[in-house]
């Protein structure tokens, strides 16, 4: 039977003038490597980043309307040192939002410059 192999990428909106802010947040604050979108796409409307060594990607795209979204909509980035990311967020002036605890999944939320919600999690074992 055919099966899903992995999440390859997630796409999130940014305003027309959001490129520099996207690079500052995802590149500088989160430390993600920027990758060039394919030349067949309009690169002036896209900023792409690698999310870890397994070729997962975060794609930011221009959305002029930045229309409403669900308050639960988010992407989740697994990290190896949650406290270091908490400190990095603070040093970049990014507000950390605490949330409901999950056993063996310490986590918090931040918002990118475009108000997209991002969960930062460290997996320390199986959850119960």
Protein backbone atom coordinates (compact mmCIF):
# COMPACT_ATOMS: atom_id res chain seq x y z
CA UNK A 1 0.00 0.00 0.00
CA UNK A 2 1.25 3.51 -0.78
CA UNK A 3 2.26 5.47 2.33
CA UNK A 4 3.31 8.92 3.40
CA UNK A 5 7.08 8.94 3.84
CA UNK A 6 7.61 12.25 5.67
CA UNK A 7 6.59 15.87 5.79
CA UNK A 8 8.68 17.48 3.05
CA UNK A 9 7.82 21.12 3.72
CA UNK A 10 5.35 23.53 5.20
CA UNK A 11 4.38 26.85 3.63
CA UNK A 12 3.48 29.95 5.62
CA UNK A 13 2.49 33.44 4.50
CA UNK A 14 4.40 36.69 4.76
CA UNK A 15 3.48 40.19 3.57
CA UNK A 16 4.89 41.64 0.36
CA UNK A 17 7.69 43.43 2.21
CA UNK A 18 8.49 40.54 4.58
CA UNK A 19 11.65 39.09 3.04
CA UNK A 20 14.18 40.81 5.35
CA UNK A 21 12.11 40.06 8.47
CA UNK A 22 11.79 36.40 7.38
CA UNK A 23 15.57 36.15 7.00
CA UNK A 24 16.14 37.80 10.39
CA UNK A 25 13.71 35.49 12.20
CA UNK A 26 14.22 32.13 10.49
CA UNK A 27 17.85 32.64 9.46
CA UNK A 28 19.30 34.68 12.32
CA UNK A 29 17.08 33.88 15.31
CA UNK A 30 16.32 30.22 14.54
CA UNK A 31 19.63 29.57 12.76
CA UNK A 32 18.03 27.90 9.74
CA UNK A 33 19.88 27.80 6.42
CA UNK A 34 18.25 29.66 3.53
CA UNK A 35 17.95 27.73 0.26
CA UNK A 36 17.16 29.11 -3.17
CA UNK A 37 13.71 28.20 -4.54
CA UNK A 38 13.64 26.59 -8.00
CA UNK A 39 14.21 29.00 -10.88
CA UNK A 40 10.83 28.05 -12.38
CA UNK A 41 9.12 29.82 -9.45
CA UNK A 42 8.90 33.57 -8.83
CA UNK A 43 11.76 33.94 -6.36
CA UNK A 44 10.77 37.54 -5.59
CA UNK A 45 7.73 36.15 -3.74
CA UNK A 46 9.48 33.33 -1.82
CA UNK A 47 12.03 32.73 0.92
CA UNK A 48 12.85 29.09 1.71
CA UNK A 49 14.78 27.57 4.64
CA UNK A 50 16.03 24.11 5.61
CA UNK A 51 14.62 22.83 8.89
CA UNK A 52 17.29 20.43 10.08
CA UNK A 53 19.54 17.91 8.36
CA UNK A 54 16.76 15.75 6.88
CA UNK A 55 15.88 18.18 4.06
CA UNK A 56 12.59 19.28 5.61
CA UNK A 57 11.81 22.80 4.49
CA UNK A 58 9.88 25.89 5.57
CA UNK A 59 8.63 27.94 2.61
CA UNK A 60 7.51 31.53 3.13
CA UNK A 61 5.38 32.99 0.37
CA UNK A 62 4.00 36.46 -0.27
CA UNK A 63 0.33 36.75 0.61
CA UNK A 64 -0.89 40.28 -0.01
CA UNK A 65 -4.07 39.81 2.03
CA UNK A 66 -2.52 37.99 5.02
CA UNK A 67 -6.07 36.80 5.63
CA UNK A 68 -7.35 35.38 8.90
CA UNK A 69 -6.32 31.91 10.01
CA UNK A 70 -7.20 29.55 12.83
CA UNK A 71 -5.60 30.45 16.15
CA UNK A 72 -4.47 26.80 16.44
CA UNK A 73 -2.65 26.84 13.08
CA UNK A 74 1.10 26.48 13.57
CA UNK A 75 4.24 24.68 12.53
CA UNK A 76 6.43 22.83 15.00
CA UNK A 77 10.22 22.74 15.01
CA UNK A 78 11.98 20.06 17.04
CA UNK A 79 15.19 21.31 18.65
CA UNK A 80 18.00 19.67 20.58
CA UNK A 81 18.26 22.28 23.38
CA UNK A 82 15.02 24.00 24.32
CA UNK A 83 16.65 26.27 26.90
CA UNK A 84 19.17 27.55 24.35
CA UNK A 85 16.31 28.44 21.98
CA UNK A 86 14.43 30.12 24.82
CA UNK A 87 17.52 32.26 25.48
CA UNK A 88 18.05 32.91 21.77
CA UNK A 89 14.45 34.11 21.42
CA UNK A 90 14.92 36.49 24.36
CA UNK A 91 18.16 37.86 22.91
CA UNK A 92 16.31 38.63 19.64
CA UNK A 93 13.39 40.29 21.41
CA UNK A 94 11.00 37.45 20.56
CA UNK A 95 8.32 36.76 23.16
CA UNK A 96 8.12 33.19 24.42
CA UNK A 97 4.58 31.96 25.12
CA UNK A 98 4.23 29.10 27.57
CA UNK A 99 1.63 26.43 26.83
CA UNK A 100 0.07 23.23 28.17
CA UNK A 101 2.75 20.75 29.22
CA UNK A 102 3.08 17.41 27.44
CA UNK A 103 5.15 14.71 29.21
CA UNK A 104 8.60 14.36 27.61
CA UNK A 105 7.80 17.17 25.18
CA UNK A 106 8.90 20.44 26.79
CA UNK A 107 7.81 23.22 24.47
CA UNK A 108 6.84 26.83 23.98
CA UNK A 109 5.40 28.98 21.22
CA UNK A 110 6.74 32.07 19.44
CA UNK A 111 5.36 34.17 16.60
CA UNK A 112 7.36 35.12 13.54
CA UNK A 113 7.28 38.75 12.35
CA UNK A 114 4.10 37.98 10.36
CA UNK A 115 2.21 36.54 13.35
CA UNK A 116 2.56 32.91 12.23
CA UNK A 117 2.61 30.73 15.34
CA UNK A 118 5.61 28.41 15.75
CA UNK A 119 5.95 25.69 18.35
CA UNK A 120 9.48 24.92 19.55
CA UNK A 121 9.76 21.45 21.14
CA UNK A 122 12.47 19.16 22.51
CA UNK A 123 11.60 15.46 22.51
CA UNK A 124 13.06 13.75 25.58
CA UNK A 125 11.13 10.46 25.47
CA UNK A 126 7.79 8.89 24.66
CA UNK A 127 4.77 10.87 25.72
CA UNK A 128 2.13 9.23 27.87
